[in-house]
Amino acid sequence: MRASTYLKYLGNYMPIYSYKCEDDHVTDHLCPISDRNNTKLCKVCRADTYMIITPVKVSLDPSDPAFAGTWMTWERNRAKQMKQELRLEKKREG
């Protein structure tokens, strides 16, 4: 089942499950949880299919503060900026 993939169908939320046939066709089927293990027909070749678990597609946004690289880059840039500001301040004073 695709993580958190649900469609509202006839007033109830139903998950979408992925199924694969022997010819490696992968098709998705909307069905109740209780029906997920029952045999489905491939939408391409009409052969029997079996349920598979598909990985969740995750894309990390580098501008997201939760992304580790973003924080380290910000910290490094901030340290450089502070050094430059300190040098400018010393020049003005001295």
PDB file of N, CA and C in Angstrom:
ATOM      1  N   MET A   1       0.841  -1.182   0.000  1.00  0.00           N
ATOM      2  CA  MET A   1       0.000   0.000   0.000  1.00  0.00           C
ATOM      3  C   MET A   1       0.877   1.232   0.000  1.00  0.00           C
ATOM      4  N   ARG A   2       0.531   2.206  -0.732  1.00  0.00           N
ATOM      5  CA  ARG A   2       1.267   3.452  -0.720  1.00  0.00           C
ATOM      6  C   ARG A   2       0.932   4.185   0.569  1.00  0.00           C
ATOM      7  N   ALA A   3       1.944   4.604   1.251  1.00  0.00           N
ATOM      8  CA  ALA A   3       1.762   5.239   2.555  1.00  0.00           C
ATOM      9  C   ALA A   3       0.849   6.454   2.440  1.00  0.00           C
ATOM     10  N   SER A   4      -0.087   6.521   3.317  1.00  0.00           N
ATOM     11  CA  SER A   4      -1.054   7.614   3.422  1.00  0.00           C
ATOM     12  C   SER A   4      -1.749   7.942   2.104  1.00  0.00           C
ATOM     13  N   THR A   5      -1.964   6.953   1.276  1.00  0.00           N
ATOM     14  CA  THR A   5      -2.721   7.159   0.038  1.00  0.00           C
ATOM     15  C   THR A   5      -4.114   6.581   0.233  1.00  0.00           C
ATOM     16  N   TYR A   6      -5.050   7.453   0.427  1.00  0.00           N
ATOM     17  CA  TYR A   6      -6.431   7.041   0.635  1.00  0.00           C
ATOM     18  C   TYR A   6      -7.326   7.900  -0.241  1.00  0.00           C
ATOM     19  N   LEU A   7      -8.365   7.310  -0.745  1.00  0.00           N
ATOM     20  CA  LEU A   7      -9.353   8.057  -1.500  1.00  0.00           C
ATOM     21  C   LEU A   7     -10.695   7.929  -0.808  1.00  0.00           C
ATOM     22  N   LYS A   8     -11.447   9.007  -0.811  1.00  0.00           N
ATOM     23  CA  LYS A   8     -12.771   8.950  -0.230  1.00  0.00           C
ATOM     24  C   LYS A   8     -13.696   8.325  -1.265  1.00  0.00           C
ATOM     25  N   TYR A   9     -14.279   7.173  -0.914  1.00  0.00           N
ATOM     26  CA  TYR A   9     -15.099   6.412  -1.848  1.00  0.00           C
ATOM     27  C   TYR A   9     -16.385   6.022  -1.140  1.00  0.00           C
ATOM     28  N   LEU A  10     -17.490   6.510  -1.622  1.00  0.00           N
ATOM     29  CA  LEU A  10     -18.811   6.222  -1.050  1.00  0.00           C
ATOM     30  C   LEU A  10     -18.863   6.539   0.434  1.00  0.00           C
ATOM     31  N   GLY A  11     -18.249   7.670   0.830  1.00  0.00           N
ATOM     32  CA  GLY A  11     -18.317   8.102   2.220  1.00  0.00           C
ATOM     33  C   GLY A  11     -17.282   7.480   3.126  1.00  0.00           C
ATOM     34  N   ASN A  12     -16.532   6.492   2.665  1.00  0.00           N
ATOM     35  CA  ASN A  12     -15.502   5.853   3.481  1.00  0.00           C
ATOM     36  C   ASN A  12     -14.151   6.063   2.832  1.00  0.00           C
ATOM     37  N   TYR A  13     -13.126   6.096   3.659  1.00  0.00           N
ATOM     38  CA  TYR A  13     -11.776   6.196   3.113  1.00  0.00           C
ATOM     39  C   TYR A  13     -11.269   4.799   2.808  1.00  0.00           C
ATOM     40  N   MET A  14     -10.742   4.630   1.603  1.00  0.00           N
ATOM     41  CA  MET A  14     -10.242   3.320   1.187  1.00  0.00           C
ATOM     42  C   MET A  14      -8.822   3.476   0.676  1.00  0.00           C
ATOM     43  N   PRO A  15      -7.941   2.579   1.067  1.00  0.00           N
ATOM     44  CA  PRO A  15      -6.559   2.668   0.597  1.00  0.00           C
ATOM     45  C   PRO A  15      -6.399   2.136  -0.822  1.00  0.00           C
ATOM     46  N   ILE A  16      -5.321   2.559  -1.452  1.00  0.00           N
ATOM     47  CA  ILE A  16      -4.956   2.067  -2.772  1.00  0.00           C
ATOM     48  C   ILE A  16      -3.795   1.100  -2.584  1.00  0.00           C
ATOM     49  N   TYR A  17      -3.924  -0.096  -3.129  1.00  0.00           N
ATOM     50  CA  TYR A  17      -2.881  -1.111  -3.030  1.00  0.00           C
ATOM     51  C   TYR A  17      -2.294  -1.364  -4.409  1.00  0.00           C
ATOM     52  N   SER A  18      -1.016  -1.709  -4.430  1.00  0.00           N
ATOM     53  CA  SER A  18      -0.345  -2.037  -5.690  1.00  0.00           C
ATOM     54  C   SER A  18      -0.256  -3.547  -5.833  1.00  0.00           C
ATOM     55  N   TYR A  19      -0.502  -4.022  -7.037  1.00  0.00           N
ATOM     56  CA  TYR A  19      -0.467  -5.462  -7.340  1.00  0.00           C
ATOM     57  C   TYR A  19       0.408  -5.680  -8.562  1.00  0.00           C
ATOM     58  N   LYS A  20       1.039  -6.842  -8.624  1.00  0.00           N
ATOM     59  CA  LYS A  20       1.940  -7.171  -9.725  1.00  0.00           C
ATOM     60  C   LYS A  20       1.579  -8.545 -10.274  1.00  0.00           C
ATOM     61  N   CYS A  21       1.606  -8.658 -11.607  1.00  0.00           N
ATOM     62  CA  CYS A  21       1.332  -9.950 -12.236  1.00  0.00           C
ATOM     63  C   CYS A  21       2.653 -10.610 -12.625  1.00  0.00           C
ATOM     64  N   GLU A  22       2.585 -11.813 -13.183  1.00  0.00           N
ATOM     65  CA  GLU A  22       3.796 -12.539 -13.567  1.00  0.00           C
ATOM     66  C   GLU A  22       4.528 -11.877 -14.730  1.00  0.00           C
ATOM     67  N   ASP A  23       3.835 -11.015 -15.489  1.00  0.00           N
ATOM     68  CA  ASP A  23       4.467 -10.288 -16.590  1.00  0.00           C
ATOM     69  C   ASP A  23       5.060  -8.953 -16.133  1.00  0.00           C
ATOM     70  N   ASP A  24       5.132  -8.747 -14.826  1.00  0.00           N
ATOM     71  CA  ASP A  24       5.700  -7.544 -14.207  1.00  0.00           C
ATOM     72  C   ASP A  24       4.910  -6.260 -14.463  1.00  0.00           C
ATOM     73  N   HIS A  25       3.619  -6.393 -14.754  1.00  0.00           N
ATOM     74  CA  HIS A  25       2.769  -5.208 -14.823  1.00  0.00           C
ATOM     75  C   HIS A  25       2.382  -4.848 -13.394  1.00  0.00           C
ATOM     76  N   VAL A  26       2.544  -3.591 -13.032  1.00  0.00           N
ATOM     77  CA  VAL A  26       2.137  -3.125 -11.707  1.00  0.00           C
ATOM     78  C   VAL A  26       0.899  -2.259 -11.878  1.00  0.00           C
ATOM     79  N   THR A  27      -0.166  -2.632 -11.184  1.00  0.00           N
ATOM     80  CA  THR A  27      -1.415  -1.882 -11.251  1.00  0.00           C
ATOM     81  C   THR A  27      -1.883  -1.564  -9.846  1.00  0.00           C
ATOM     82  N   ASP A  28      -2.631  -0.490  -9.717  1.00  0.00           N
ATOM     83  CA  ASP A  28      -3.174  -0.079  -8.427  1.00  0.00           C
ATOM     84  C   ASP A  28      -4.658  -0.388  -8.370  1.00  0.00           C
ATOM     85  N   HIS A  29      -5.100  -0.812  -7.199  1.00  0.00           N
ATOM     86  CA  HIS A  29      -6.513  -1.139  -6.995  1.00  0.00           C
ATOM     87  C   HIS A  29      -7.004  -0.474  -5.724  1.00  0.00           C
ATOM     88  N   LEU A  30      -8.174   0.116  -5.811  1.00  0.00           N
ATOM     89  CA  LEU A  30      -8.839   0.712  -4.672  1.00  0.00           C
ATOM     90  C   LEU A  30      -9.718  -0.359  -4.050  1.00  0.00           C
ATOM     91  N   CYS A  31      -9.458  -0.724  -2.805  1.00  0.00           N
ATOM     92  CA  CYS A  31     -10.272  -1.759  -2.171  1.00  0.00           C
ATOM     93  C   CYS A  31     -10.207  -1.625  -0.661  1.00  0.00           C
ATOM     94  N   PRO A  32     -11.210  -2.177   0.045  1.00  0.00           N
ATOM     95  CA  PRO A  32     -11.186  -2.144   1.503  1.00  0.00           C
ATOM     96  C   PRO A  32     -10.007  -2.950   2.046  1.00  0.00           C
ATOM     97  N   ILE A  33      -9.590  -2.610   3.237  1.00  0.00           N
ATOM     98  CA  ILE A  33      -8.469  -3.314   3.864  1.00  0.00           C
ATOM     99  C   ILE A  33      -8.751  -4.807   3.963  1.00  0.00           C
ATOM    100  N   SER A  34      -9.979  -5.171   4.263  1.00  0.00           N
ATOM    101  CA  SER A  34     -10.321  -6.586   4.411  1.00  0.00           C
ATOM    102  C   SER A  34     -10.235  -7.358   3.096  1.00  0.00           C
ATOM    103  N   ASP A  35     -10.246  -6.654   1.973  1.00  0.00           N
ATOM    104  CA  ASP A  35     -10.237  -7.291   0.654  1.00  0.00           C
ATOM    105  C   ASP A  35      -8.850  -7.260  -0.005  1.00  0.00           C
ATOM    106  N   ARG A  36      -7.867  -6.701   0.674  1.00  0.00           N
ATOM    107  CA  ARG A  36      -6.558  -6.476   0.038  1.00  0.00           C
ATOM    108  C   ARG A  36      -5.810  -7.753  -0.330  1.00  0.00           C
ATOM    109  N   ASN A  37      -6.043  -8.864   0.386  1.00  0.00           N
ATOM    110  CA  ASN A  37      -5.327 -10.112   0.098  1.00  0.00           C
ATOM    111  C   ASN A  37      -6.012 -10.983  -0.948  1.00  0.00           C
ATOM    112  N   ASN A  38      -7.217 -10.614  -1.348  1.00  0.00           N
ATOM    113  CA  ASN A  38      -7.918 -11.380  -2.379  1.00  0.00           C
ATOM    114  C   ASN A  38      -7.272 -11.137  -3.741  1.00  0.00           C
ATOM    115  N   THR A  39      -7.372 -12.147  -4.608  1.00  0.00           N
ATOM    116  CA  THR A  39      -6.774 -12.061  -5.938  1.00  0.00           C
ATOM    117  C   THR A  39      -7.450 -10.972  -6.755  1.00  0.00           C
ATOM    118  N   LYS A  40      -6.632 -10.186  -7.435  1.00  0.00           N
ATOM    119  CA  LYS A  40      -7.125  -9.156  -8.353  1.00  0.00           C
ATOM    120  C   LYS A  40      -6.638  -9.513  -9.746  1.00  0.00           C
ATOM    121  N   LEU A  41      -7.294  -8.963 -10.742  1.00  0.00           N
ATOM    122  CA  LEU A  41      -6.873  -9.172 -12.126  1.00  0.00           C
ATOM    123  C   LEU A  41      -6.030  -7.988 -12.579  1.00  0.00           C
ATOM    124  N   CYS A  42      -4.972  -8.287 -13.307  1.00  0.00           N
ATOM    125  CA  CYS A  42      -4.108  -7.255 -13.874  1.00  0.00           C
ATOM    126  C   CYS A  42      -4.937  -6.422 -14.849  1.00  0.00           C
ATOM    127  N   LYS A  43      -4.807  -5.124 -14.756  1.00  0.00           N
ATOM    128  CA  LYS A  43      -5.571  -4.249 -15.648  1.00  0.00           C
ATOM    129  C   LYS A  43      -4.999  -4.232 -17.063  1.00  0.00           C
ATOM    130  N   VAL A  44      -3.789  -4.778 -17.244  1.00  0.00           N
ATOM    131  CA  VAL A  44      -3.155  -4.788 -18.561  1.00  0.00           C
ATOM    132  C   VAL A  44      -3.413  -6.103 -19.284  1.00  0.00           C
ATOM    133  N   CYS A  45      -3.083  -7.225 -18.612  1.00  0.00           N
ATOM    134  CA  CYS A  45      -3.163  -8.528 -19.305  1.00  0.00           C
ATOM    135  C   CYS A  45      -4.228  -9.459 -18.718  1.00  0.00           C
ATOM    136  N   ARG A  46      -4.945  -9.006 -17.701  1.00  0.00           N
ATOM    137  CA  ARG A  46      -6.038  -9.770 -17.062  1.00  0.00           C
ATOM    138  C   ARG A  46      -5.556 -11.027 -16.334  1.00  0.00           C
ATOM    139  N   ALA A  47      -4.274 -11.141 -16.032  1.00  0.00           N
ATOM    140  CA  ALA A  47      -3.748 -12.285 -15.276  1.00  0.00           C
ATOM    141  C   ALA A  47      -3.931 -12.031 -13.781  1.00  0.00           C
ATOM    142  N   ASP A  48      -3.823 -13.100 -12.988  1.00  0.00           N
ATOM    143  CA  ASP A  48      -3.891 -12.953 -11.533  1.00  0.00           C
ATOM    144  C   ASP A  48      -2.681 -12.161 -11.035  1.00  0.00           C
ATOM    145  N   THR A  49      -2.900 -11.389 -10.008  1.00  0.00           N
ATOM    146  CA  THR A  49      -1.833 -10.561  -9.446  1.00  0.00           C
ATOM    147  C   THR A  49      -1.638 -10.871  -7.971  1.00  0.00           C
ATOM    148  N   TYR A  50      -0.533 -10.393  -7.424  1.00  0.00           N
ATOM    149  CA  TYR A  50      -0.289 -10.500  -5.991  1.00  0.00           C
ATOM    150  C   TYR A  50       0.064  -9.114  -5.474  1.00  0.00           C
ATOM    151  N   MET A  51      -0.285  -8.857  -4.223  1.00  0.00           N
ATOM    152  CA  MET A  51      -0.061  -7.551  -3.630  1.00  0.00           C
ATOM    153  C   MET A  51       1.436  -7.346  -3.375  1.00  0.00           C
ATOM    154  N   ILE A  52       1.906  -6.154  -3.665  1.00  0.00           N
ATOM    155  CA  ILE A  52       3.295  -5.804  -3.387  1.00  0.00           C
ATOM    156  C   ILE A  52       3.327  -4.556  -2.520  1.00  0.00           C
ATOM    157  N   ILE A  53       4.425  -4.367  -1.842  1.00  0.00           N
ATOM    158  CA  ILE A  53       4.614  -3.154  -1.054  1.00  0.00           C
ATOM    159  C   ILE A  53       5.513  -2.237  -1.864  1.00  0.00           C
ATOM    160  N   THR A  54       5.020  -1.056  -2.157  1.00  0.00           N
ATOM    161  CA  THR A  54       5.798  -0.105  -2.933  1.00  0.00           C
ATOM    162  C   THR A  54       6.454   0.887  -1.993  1.00  0.00           C
ATOM    163  N   PRO A  55       7.687   1.279  -2.277  1.00  0.00           N
ATOM    164  CA  PRO A  55       8.364   2.236  -1.402  1.00  0.00           C
ATOM    165  C   PRO A  55       7.739   3.619  -1.513  1.00  0.00           C
ATOM    166  N   VAL A  56       7.808   4.337  -0.440  1.00  0.00           N
ATOM    167  CA  VAL A  56       7.302   5.697  -0.419  1.00  0.00           C
ATOM    168  C   VAL A  56       8.332   6.587  -1.094  1.00  0.00           C
ATOM    169  N   LYS A  57       7.879   7.441  -1.980  1.00  0.00           N
ATOM    170  CA  LYS A  57       8.794   8.358  -2.649  1.00  0.00           C
ATOM    171  C   LYS A  57       8.974   9.594  -1.780  1.00  0.00           C
ATOM    172  N   VAL A  58      10.202   9.834  -1.394  1.00  0.00           N
ATOM    173  CA  VAL A  58      10.512  10.961  -0.530  1.00  0.00           C
ATOM    174  C   VAL A  58      11.503  11.864  -1.234  1.00  0.00           C
ATOM    175  N   SER A  59      11.224  13.121  -1.205  1.00  0.00           N
ATOM    176  CA  SER A  59      12.138  14.100  -1.776  1.00  0.00           C
ATOM    177  C   SER A  59      12.424  15.139  -0.704  1.00  0.00           C
ATOM    178  N   LEU A  60      13.678  15.251  -0.307  1.00  0.00           N
ATOM    179  CA  LEU A  60      14.045  16.214   0.712  1.00  0.00           C
ATOM    180  C   LEU A  60      14.305  17.571   0.077  1.00  0.00           C
ATOM    181  N   ASP A  61      13.713  18.576   0.653  1.00  0.00           N
ATOM    182  CA  ASP A  61      13.884  19.937   0.173  1.00  0.00           C
ATOM    183  C   ASP A  61      15.069  20.554   0.906  1.00  0.00           C
ATOM    184  N   PRO A  62      16.145  20.871   0.216  1.00  0.00           N
ATOM    185  CA  PRO A  62      17.326  21.408   0.891  1.00  0.00           C
ATOM    186  C   PRO A  62      17.077  22.744   1.584  1.00  0.00           C
ATOM    187  N   SER A  63      16.002  23.446   1.226  1.00  0.00           N
ATOM    188  CA  SER A  63      15.715  24.706   1.902  1.00  0.00           C
ATOM    189  C   SER A  63      14.903  24.492   3.181  1.00  0.00           C
ATOM    190  N   ASP A  64      14.488  23.257   3.443  1.00  0.00           N
ATOM    191  CA  ASP A  64      13.734  22.933   4.652  1.00  0.00           C
ATOM    192  C   ASP A  64      14.677  22.927   5.848  1.00  0.00           C
ATOM    193  N   PRO A  65      14.362  23.660   6.915  1.00  0.00           N
ATOM    194  CA  PRO A  65      15.244  23.693   8.091  1.00  0.00           C
ATOM    195  C   PRO A  65      15.450  22.321   8.731  1.00  0.00           C
ATOM    196  N   ALA A  66      14.553  21.392   8.499  1.00  0.00           N
ATOM    197  CA  ALA A  66      14.702  20.055   9.076  1.00  0.00           C
ATOM    198  C   ALA A  66      15.765  19.242   8.349  1.00  0.00           C
ATOM    199  N   PHE A  67      16.160  19.684   7.173  1.00  0.00           N
ATOM    200  CA  PHE A  67      17.175  18.998   6.384  1.00  0.00           C
ATOM    201  C   PHE A  67      18.535  19.310   7.000  1.00  0.00           C
ATOM    202  N   ALA A  68      19.268  18.275   7.400  1.00  0.00           N
ATOM    203  CA  ALA A  68      20.515  18.452   8.158  1.00  0.00           C
ATOM    204  C   ALA A  68      21.525  19.325   7.420  1.00  0.00           C
ATOM    205  N   GLY A  69      21.669  19.137   6.137  1.00  0.00           N
ATOM    206  CA  GLY A  69      22.641  19.915   5.371  1.00  0.00           C
ATOM    207  C   GLY A  69      22.337  21.398   5.381  1.00  0.00           C
ATOM    208  N   THR A  70      21.058  21.751   5.433  1.00  0.00           N
ATOM    209  CA  THR A  70      20.662  23.151   5.438  1.00  0.00           C
ATOM    210  C   THR A  70      21.147  23.835   6.702  1.00  0.00           C
ATOM    211  N   TRP A  71      20.957  23.188   7.830  1.00  0.00           N
ATOM    212  CA  TRP A  71      21.368  23.775   9.101  1.00  0.00           C
ATOM    213  C   TRP A  71      22.880  23.955   9.140  1.00  0.00           C
ATOM    214  N   MET A  72      23.631  22.949   8.724  1.00  0.00           N
ATOM    215  CA  MET A  72      25.095  23.042   8.754  1.00  0.00           C
ATOM    216  C   MET A  72      25.586  24.147   7.821  1.00  0.00           C
ATOM    217  N   THR A  73      24.974  24.278   6.645  1.00  0.00           N
ATOM    218  CA  THR A  73      25.359  25.333   5.710  1.00  0.00           C
ATOM    219  C   THR A  73      25.044  26.700   6.293  1.00  0.00           C
ATOM    220  N   TRP A  74      23.878  26.853   6.886  1.00  0.00           N
ATOM    221  CA  TRP A  74      23.501  28.130   7.492  1.00  0.00           C
ATOM    222  C   TRP A  74      24.480  28.490   8.606  1.00  0.00           C
ATOM    223  N   GLU A  75      24.817  27.521   9.447  1.00  0.00           N
ATOM    224  CA  GLU A  75      25.725  27.761  10.568  1.00  0.00           C
ATOM    225  C   GLU A  75      27.110  28.190  10.069  1.00  0.00           C
ATOM    226  N   ARG A  76      27.602  27.521   9.030  1.00  0.00           N
ATOM    227  CA  ARG A  76      28.902  27.843   8.453  1.00  0.00           C
ATOM    228  C   ARG A  76      28.886  29.257   7.841  1.00  0.00           C
ATOM    229  N   ASN A  77      27.836  29.577   7.102  1.00  0.00           N
ATOM    230  CA  ASN A  77      27.714  30.909   6.493  1.00  0.00           C
ATOM    231  C   ASN A  77      27.568  31.996   7.550  1.00  0.00           C
ATOM    232  N   ARG A  78      26.840  31.703   8.602  1.00  0.00           N
ATOM    233  CA  ARG A  78      26.650  32.677   9.680  1.00  0.00           C
ATOM    234  C   ARG A  78      27.974  32.952  10.394  1.00  0.00           C
ATOM    235  N   ALA A  79      28.788  31.915  10.606  1.00  0.00           N
ATOM    236  CA  ALA A  79      30.090  32.107  11.253  1.00  0.00           C
ATOM    237  C   ALA A  79      30.980  32.997  10.387  1.00  0.00           C
ATOM    238  N   LYS A  80      30.988  32.801   9.061  1.00  0.00           N
ATOM    239  CA  LYS A  80      31.773  33.649   8.154  1.00  0.00           C
ATOM    240  C   LYS A  80      31.291  35.089   8.216  1.00  0.00           C
ATOM    241  N   GLN A  81      29.969  35.252   8.206  1.00  0.00           N
ATOM    242  CA  GLN A  81      29.390  36.588   8.240  1.00  0.00           C
ATOM    243  C   GLN A  81      29.767  37.304   9.536  1.00  0.00           C
ATOM    244  N   MET A  82      29.730  36.591  10.653  1.00  0.00           N
ATOM    245  CA  MET A  82      30.074  37.198  11.940  1.00  0.00           C
ATOM    246  C   MET A  82      31.543  37.625  11.962  1.00  0.00           C
ATOM    247  N   LYS A  83      32.449  36.822  11.369  1.00  0.00           N
ATOM    248  CA  LYS A  83      33.869  37.174  11.303  1.00  0.00           C
ATOM    249  C   LYS A  83      34.056  38.450  10.482  1.00  0.00           C
ATOM    250  N   GLN A  84      33.346  38.542   9.346  1.00  0.00           N
ATOM    251  CA  GLN A  84      33.450  39.726   8.505  1.00  0.00           C
ATOM    252  C   GLN A  84      32.939  40.960   9.236  1.00  0.00           C
ATOM    253  N   GLU A  85      31.823  40.830   9.945  1.00  0.00           N
ATOM    254  CA  GLU A  85      31.265  41.952  10.689  1.00  0.00           C
ATOM    255  C   GLU A  85      32.219  42.392  11.794  1.00  0.00           C
ATOM    256  N   LEU A  86      32.859  41.436  12.441  1.00  0.00           N
ATOM    257  CA  LEU A  86      33.803  41.746  13.506  1.00  0.00           C
ATOM    258  C   LEU A  86      35.020  42.497  12.948  1.00  0.00           C
ATOM    259  N   ARG A  87      35.531  42.060  11.785  1.00  0.00           N
ATOM    260  CA  ARG A  87      36.659  42.743  11.137  1.00  0.00           C
ATOM    261  C   ARG A  87      36.287  44.182  10.758  1.00  0.00           C
ATOM    262  N   LEU A  88      35.105  44.387  10.185  1.00  0.00           N
ATOM    263  CA  LEU A  88      34.660  45.717   9.812  1.00  0.00           C
ATOM    264  C   LEU A  88      34.519  46.617  11.035  1.00  0.00           C
ATOM    265  N   GLU A  89      34.012  46.062  12.094  1.00  0.00           N
ATOM    266  CA  GLU A  89      33.833  46.828  13.328  1.00  0.00           C
ATOM    267  C   GLU A  89      35.189  47.238  13.905  1.00  0.00           C
ATOM    268  N   LYS A  90      36.158  46.366  13.869  1.00  0.00           N
ATOM    269  CA  LYS A  90      37.510  46.674  14.367  1.00  0.00           C
ATOM    270  C   LYS A  90      38.160  47.762  13.519  1.00  0.00           C
ATOM    271  N   LYS A  91      37.940  47.707  12.177  1.00  0.00           N
ATOM    272  CA  LYS A  91      38.498  48.721  11.287  1.00  0.00           C
ATOM    273  C   LYS A  91      37.916  50.096  11.603  1.00  0.00           C
ATOM    274  N   ARG A  92      36.621  50.130  11.856  1.00  0.00           N
ATOM    275  CA  ARG A  92      35.955  51.403  12.169  1.00  0.00           C
ATOM    276  C   ARG A  92      36.459  51.986  13.478  1.00  0.00           C
ATOM    277  N   GLU A  93      36.713  51.123  14.457  1.00  0.00           N
ATOM    278  CA  GLU A  93      37.170  51.564  15.778  1.00  0.00           C
ATOM    279  C   GLU A  93      38.641  51.957  15.753  1.00  0.00           C
ATOM    280  N   GLY A  94      39.389  51.257  14.969  1.00  0.00           N
ATOM    281  CA  GLY A  94      40.801  51.362  15.131  1.00  0.00           C
ATOM    282  C   GLY A  94      41.611  52.076  14.215  1.00  0.00           C
TER     283      GLY A  94
END
